[in-house]
Protein backbone atom coordinates (compact mmCIF):
# COMPACT_ATOMS: atom_id res chain seq x y z
CA UNK A 1 -18.53 -36.56 -56.57
CA UNK A 2 -18.56 -33.22 -58.90
CA UNK A 3 -19.81 -30.89 -56.33
CA UNK A 4 -17.63 -32.12 -53.53
CA UNK A 5 -14.86 -31.93 -56.09
CA UNK A 6 -15.34 -28.46 -56.93
CA UNK A 7 -16.06 -27.28 -53.25
CA UNK A 8 -12.73 -29.01 -52.49
CA UNK A 9 -11.01 -27.68 -55.30
CA UNK A 10 -11.94 -23.90 -54.20
CA UNK A 11 -11.16 -24.43 -50.52
CA UNK A 12 -7.68 -25.75 -51.74
CA UNK A 13 -6.88 -22.63 -53.63
CA UNK A 14 -7.79 -20.38 -50.44
CA UNK A 15 -5.58 -22.70 -48.34
CA UNK A 16 -2.49 -22.65 -50.79
CA UNK A 17 -2.91 -18.73 -50.91
CA UNK A 18 -3.16 -18.56 -47.28
CA UNK A 19 -0.41 -21.13 -46.34
CA UNK A 20 1.97 -19.23 -48.84
CA UNK A 21 1.71 -15.80 -46.95
CA UNK A 22 1.39 -16.97 -43.37
CA UNK A 23 0.80 -20.62 -43.07
CA UNK A 24 -2.09 -22.44 -41.30
CA UNK A 25 -4.27 -23.27 -44.91
CA UNK A 26 -5.12 -26.54 -43.11
CA UNK A 27 -7.37 -24.43 -40.87
CA UNK A 28 -9.43 -24.22 -44.03
CA UNK A 29 -8.60 -27.44 -45.61
CA UNK A 30 -8.96 -30.08 -43.13
CA UNK A 31 -12.41 -28.65 -41.60
CA UNK A 32 -13.73 -28.83 -45.11
CA UNK A 33 -12.78 -31.99 -46.16
CA UNK A 34 -14.14 -33.42 -42.72
CA UNK A 35 -17.50 -31.85 -43.86
CA UNK A 36 -17.69 -32.53 -47.30
CA UNK A 37 -16.68 -36.22 -47.19
CA UNK A 38 -18.09 -37.20 -43.53
CA UNK A 39 -17.88 -41.14 -44.36
CA UNK A 40 -14.47 -41.80 -45.11
CA UNK A 41 -11.83 -42.51 -41.96
CA UNK A 42 -10.42 -39.43 -40.65
CA UNK A 43 -6.94 -40.65 -41.35
CA UNK A 44 -7.92 -41.09 -44.98
CA UNK A 45 -9.11 -37.32 -45.23
CA UNK A 46 -6.17 -36.04 -43.54
CA UNK A 47 -4.12 -38.48 -45.90
CA UNK A 48 -5.72 -36.82 -49.03
CA UNK A 49 -5.16 -33.25 -47.82
CA UNK A 50 -1.34 -33.99 -47.63
CA UNK A 51 -1.09 -34.02 -51.19
CA UNK A 52 -2.69 -30.53 -52.30
CA UNK A 53 -0.83 -29.15 -49.26
CA UNK A 54 2.92 -30.74 -50.23
CA UNK A 55 2.34 -29.31 -53.85
CA UNK A 56 1.61 -25.58 -52.62
CA UNK A 57 4.13 -25.83 -50.05
CA UNK A 58 6.93 -27.12 -52.60
CA UNK A 59 6.00 -24.37 -54.81
CA UNK A 60 6.04 -21.54 -52.19
CA UNK A 61 9.45 -22.75 -50.58
CA UNK A 62 10.91 -22.88 -54.45
CA UNK A 63 9.81 -19.26 -54.73
CA UNK A 64 11.29 -18.08 -51.13
CA UNK A 65 14.43 -19.95 -51.84
CA UNK A 66 15.24 -17.01 -54.65
CA UNK A 67 14.91 -14.63 -51.96
CA UNK A 68 16.55 -16.40 -49.20
CA UNK A 69 20.05 -17.35 -47.59
CA UNK A 70 19.18 -20.61 -45.76
CA UNK A 71 20.60 -21.56 -42.56
CA UNK A 72 21.44 -25.20 -43.27
CA UNK A 73 22.09 -26.47 -40.01
CA UNK A 74 19.06 -25.39 -38.41
CA UNK A 75 16.90 -26.45 -41.46
CA UNK A 76 18.24 -29.77 -41.91
CA UNK A 77 17.82 -30.58 -38.06
CA UNK A 78 14.54 -29.28 -37.71
CA UNK A 79 13.49 -30.95 -41.05
CA UNK A 80 15.04 -34.28 -40.05
CA UNK A 81 13.45 -34.64 -36.66
CA UNK A 82 10.11 -33.32 -37.78
CA UNK A 83 10.10 -36.01 -40.84
CA UNK A 84 10.42 -38.59 -38.44
CA UNK A 85 7.73 -37.65 -35.87
CA UNK A 86 5.43 -36.78 -38.57
CA UNK A 87 5.49 -40.20 -39.84
CA UNK A 88 4.86 -41.48 -36.11
CA UNK A 89 1.90 -39.04 -35.92
CA UNK A 90 0.30 -40.49 -39.01
CA UNK A 91 0.71 -44.05 -37.89
CA UNK A 92 -0.87 -43.18 -34.72
CA UNK A 93 -3.99 -41.20 -36.29
CA UNK A 94 -4.75 -44.46 -38.36
CA UNK A 95 -4.98 -46.38 -35.25
CA UNK A 96 -7.53 -44.03 -33.56
CA UNK A 97 -11.21 -44.73 -34.06
CA UNK A 98 -13.15 -42.00 -35.84
CA UNK A 99 -15.32 -41.23 -32.96
CA UNK A 100 -12.43 -40.20 -31.01
CA UNK A 101 -10.37 -38.41 -33.36
CA UNK A 102 -12.91 -36.16 -34.79
CA UNK A 103 -13.89 -34.69 -31.59
CA UNK A 104 -10.05 -34.05 -30.79
CA UNK A 105 -9.38 -32.25 -34.52
CA UNK A 106 -12.61 -30.12 -33.73
CA UNK A 107 -11.08 -28.92 -30.42
CA UNK A 108 -7.85 -28.49 -31.60
CA UNK A 109 -9.02 -26.58 -35.03
CA UNK A 110 -11.14 -24.28 -32.53
CA UNK A 111 -7.94 -23.83 -30.20
CA UNK A 112 -5.53 -23.00 -33.10
CA UNK A 113 -8.02 -20.58 -34.90
CA UNK A 114 -8.67 -18.69 -31.37
CA UNK A 115 -4.69 -18.62 -30.76
CA UNK A 116 -3.77 -17.17 -33.91
CA UNK A 117 -6.80 -14.55 -34.05
CA UNK A 118 -6.18 -13.05 -30.72
CA UNK A 119 -2.12 -13.18 -30.55
CA UNK A 120 -1.72 -10.95 -33.59
CA UNK A 121 1.76 -9.64 -32.33
CA UNK A 122 3.13 -13.13 -31.57
CA UNK A 123 6.05 -13.80 -34.25
CA UNK A 124 6.49 -10.38 -35.38
CA UNK A 125 9.02 -9.14 -32.94
CA UNK A 126 12.56 -11.10 -33.64
CA UNK A 127 14.69 -12.38 -30.86
CA UNK A 128 18.09 -12.52 -32.00
CA UNK A 129 21.70 -13.28 -31.31
CA UNK A 130 21.12 -17.05 -30.39
CA UNK A 131 24.29 -19.17 -29.98
CA UNK A 132 24.50 -21.55 -32.87
CA UNK A 133 24.28 -24.65 -30.84
CA UNK A 134 21.40 -23.28 -28.74
CA UNK A 135 19.67 -22.43 -32.09
CA UNK A 136 20.28 -25.96 -33.38
CA UNK A 137 19.01 -27.63 -30.27
CA UNK A 138 15.66 -25.66 -30.18
CA UNK A 139 14.96 -26.43 -33.86
CA UNK A 140 15.47 -30.39 -33.24
CA UNK A 141 12.90 -30.32 -30.20
CA UNK A 142 10.55 -28.07 -32.10
CA UNK A 143 11.05 -30.09 -35.06
CA UNK A 144 9.76 -33.15 -33.15
CA UNK A 145 6.76 -31.49 -31.63
CA UNK A 146 5.44 -29.83 -34.64
CA UNK A 147 6.23 -32.60 -37.04
CA UNK A 148 4.38 -35.22 -34.64
CA UNK A 149 1.40 -32.77 -34.68
CA UNK A 150 1.54 -32.21 -38.47
CA UNK A 151 1.52 -35.94 -38.99
CA UNK A 152 -1.34 -36.58 -36.36
CA UNK A 153 -3.63 -33.75 -36.96
CA UNK A 154 -2.03 -31.06 -39.16
CA UNK A 155 -3.85 -27.53 -39.43
CA UNK A 156 -1.79 -24.75 -38.34
CA UNK A 157 1.62 -26.42 -38.80
CA UNK A 158 2.79 -23.89 -41.14
CA UNK A 159 1.62 -21.01 -39.16
CA UNK A 160 3.26 -22.32 -35.92
CA UNK A 161 6.75 -22.90 -37.96
CA UNK A 162 6.89 -19.39 -38.94
CA UNK A 163 6.15 -18.17 -35.29
CA UNK A 164 8.84 -20.21 -34.20
CA UNK A 165 11.42 -19.25 -36.69
CA UNK A 166 10.67 -15.69 -35.92
CA UNK A 167 10.18 -15.59 -31.91
CA UNK A 168 12.36 -18.52 -31.04
CA UNK A 169 15.05 -18.79 -33.57
CA UNK A 170 15.51 -14.92 -34.38
CA UNK A 171 14.53 -15.19 -38.28
CA UNK A 172 12.82 -12.39 -40.28
CA UNK A 173 9.50 -12.62 -41.69
CA UNK A 174 10.56 -13.73 -45.12
CA UNK A 175 13.54 -16.01 -43.85
CA UNK A 176 11.10 -17.73 -41.24
CA UNK A 177 8.51 -18.46 -44.32
CA UNK A 178 10.99 -20.10 -46.24
CA UNK A 179 12.52 -22.25 -43.75
CA UNK A 180 8.87 -23.03 -42.61
CA UNK A 181 8.09 -24.30 -46.13
CA UNK A 182 11.00 -26.64 -46.31
CA UNK A 183 10.26 -28.02 -42.84
CA UNK A 184 6.45 -28.42 -43.61
CA UNK A 185 7.42 -30.28 -46.99
CA UNK A 186 9.60 -32.79 -44.87
CA UNK A 187 6.35 -33.39 -42.62
CA UNK A 188 3.97 -33.58 -45.54
CA UNK A 189 6.65 -35.92 -47.38
CA UNK A 190 6.79 -38.27 -44.27
CA UNK A 191 2.69 -38.36 -43.54
CA UNK A 192 2.12 -39.11 -47.40
CA UNK A 193 4.82 -41.74 -47.36
CA UNK A 194 2.80 -43.38 -44.58
CA UNK A 195 -0.66 -42.63 -45.73
CA UNK A 196 -0.01 -43.78 -49.12
CA UNK A 197 1.24 -47.25 -48.02
CA UNK A 198 -1.73 -47.92 -45.83
CA UNK A 199 -4.33 -47.04 -48.67
CA UNK A 200 -5.37 -43.73 -46.60
CA UNK A 201 -5.32 -41.32 -49.68
CA UNK A 202 -8.16 -40.52 -52.03
CA UNK A 203 -5.97 -39.43 -55.38
CA UNK A 204 -9.21 -38.61 -57.08
CA UNK A 205 -9.77 -35.69 -54.88
CA UNK A 206 -6.53 -35.33 -53.90
CA UNK A 207 -4.92 -34.58 -57.10
CA UNK A 208 -7.44 -31.93 -58.49
CA UNK A 209 -6.74 -30.06 -55.06
CA UNK A 210 -3.18 -30.00 -55.33
CA UNK A 211 -3.54 -28.41 -58.55
CA UNK A 212 -5.97 -25.46 -57.23
CA UNK A 213 -3.62 -25.11 -54.33
CA UNK A 214 -0.22 -24.58 -56.56
CA UNK A 215 -2.32 -21.77 -58.12
CA UNK A 216 -3.30 -20.48 -54.65
CA UNK A 217 0.47 -20.92 -53.59
CA UNK A 218 1.58 -18.89 -56.77
CA UNK A 219 -0.47 -15.69 -55.94
CA UNK A 220 -0.04 -16.18 -52.35
CA UNK A 221 3.89 -16.34 -52.64
CA UNK A 222 3.95 -13.50 -54.76
CA UNK A 223 1.89 -11.15 -53.00
CA UNK A 224 4.03 -12.18 -49.60
CA UNK A 225 7.08 -11.36 -51.09
CA UNK A 226 5.71 -7.82 -52.15
CA UNK A 227 4.20 -7.25 -48.91
CA UNK A 228 6.26 -9.04 -46.47
CA UNK A 229 5.88 -8.51 -42.70
CA UNK A 230 2.75 -6.41 -43.00
CA UNK A 231 0.84 -9.29 -44.10
CA UNK A 232 1.49 -11.31 -41.18
CA UNK A 233 -0.40 -8.91 -38.89
CA UNK A 234 -3.13 -8.22 -41.50
CA UNK A 235 -3.80 -12.23 -41.92
CA UNK A 236 -3.46 -12.64 -37.92
C-alpha cells in the first residue's frame, strides 16, 4: 500500500497544480489511479478521486474569489444543473460493469487529451455582449452536460468549464477560472454524496491524496493569478 499511496499522492499534487491553472487535473489523476489500483471497481476509484479533486478545487475557488466579481445568475444556474446531472452520472457509472467502462474511459482520456493539445487557441478569445437570458440559458444547458460527464467519467471537466466560460459565455480568463471552480465544486460534491453513500470511496487513499492536491492547488493558483492568460496557452 505504501508505494501505491506515495505514487498517488505525487500525482495528486501535480493534478492539483494543473487543475488550479487550466483545469484538467483529472487527466493525470484518473488514469493514474486506474493503473495503480487496477483491482478495484472503476466506480470506487472514480469516487476516491473526487475527494482530492474537491479539496484542491475548493482552495483554488477561495483564492480566485478574492480577485473576481461573480455573475451569480450564471453561477447558480450552472452549478445547480451541474450538481443534479453529476449525481445522475455517478449513479450510472456505478451500474456499469468494469469490462465496459474501462475501455470507454481510456478512449475518452485519449480524445480529451488530444483535443486540448491540438486546440490551443480555443477558449482564449472572448465572445462578449450576450443577453442575460441567453447567457443564463446556455449556462443551464452546459451545466447539465458537463455535470453528467463529470459524474460519469470526469477527466477534463475543469478545462471544459473554463473553455465554456471564456469562449461561449464571454468571461475573461480569471473570471472563467473562478466560476469554473465553483461549478466543479458542485459536481464533485454531488458525486461524493452518491459515491460515499454507496461505499465507493477508499478513504485511506483519498485523504492523503487530498492533502497533496491542496498543496498543488495552492501553488498553481498563485502562479495562475500572476501569469493569467499566458498560462492558458502554455499549458494547452
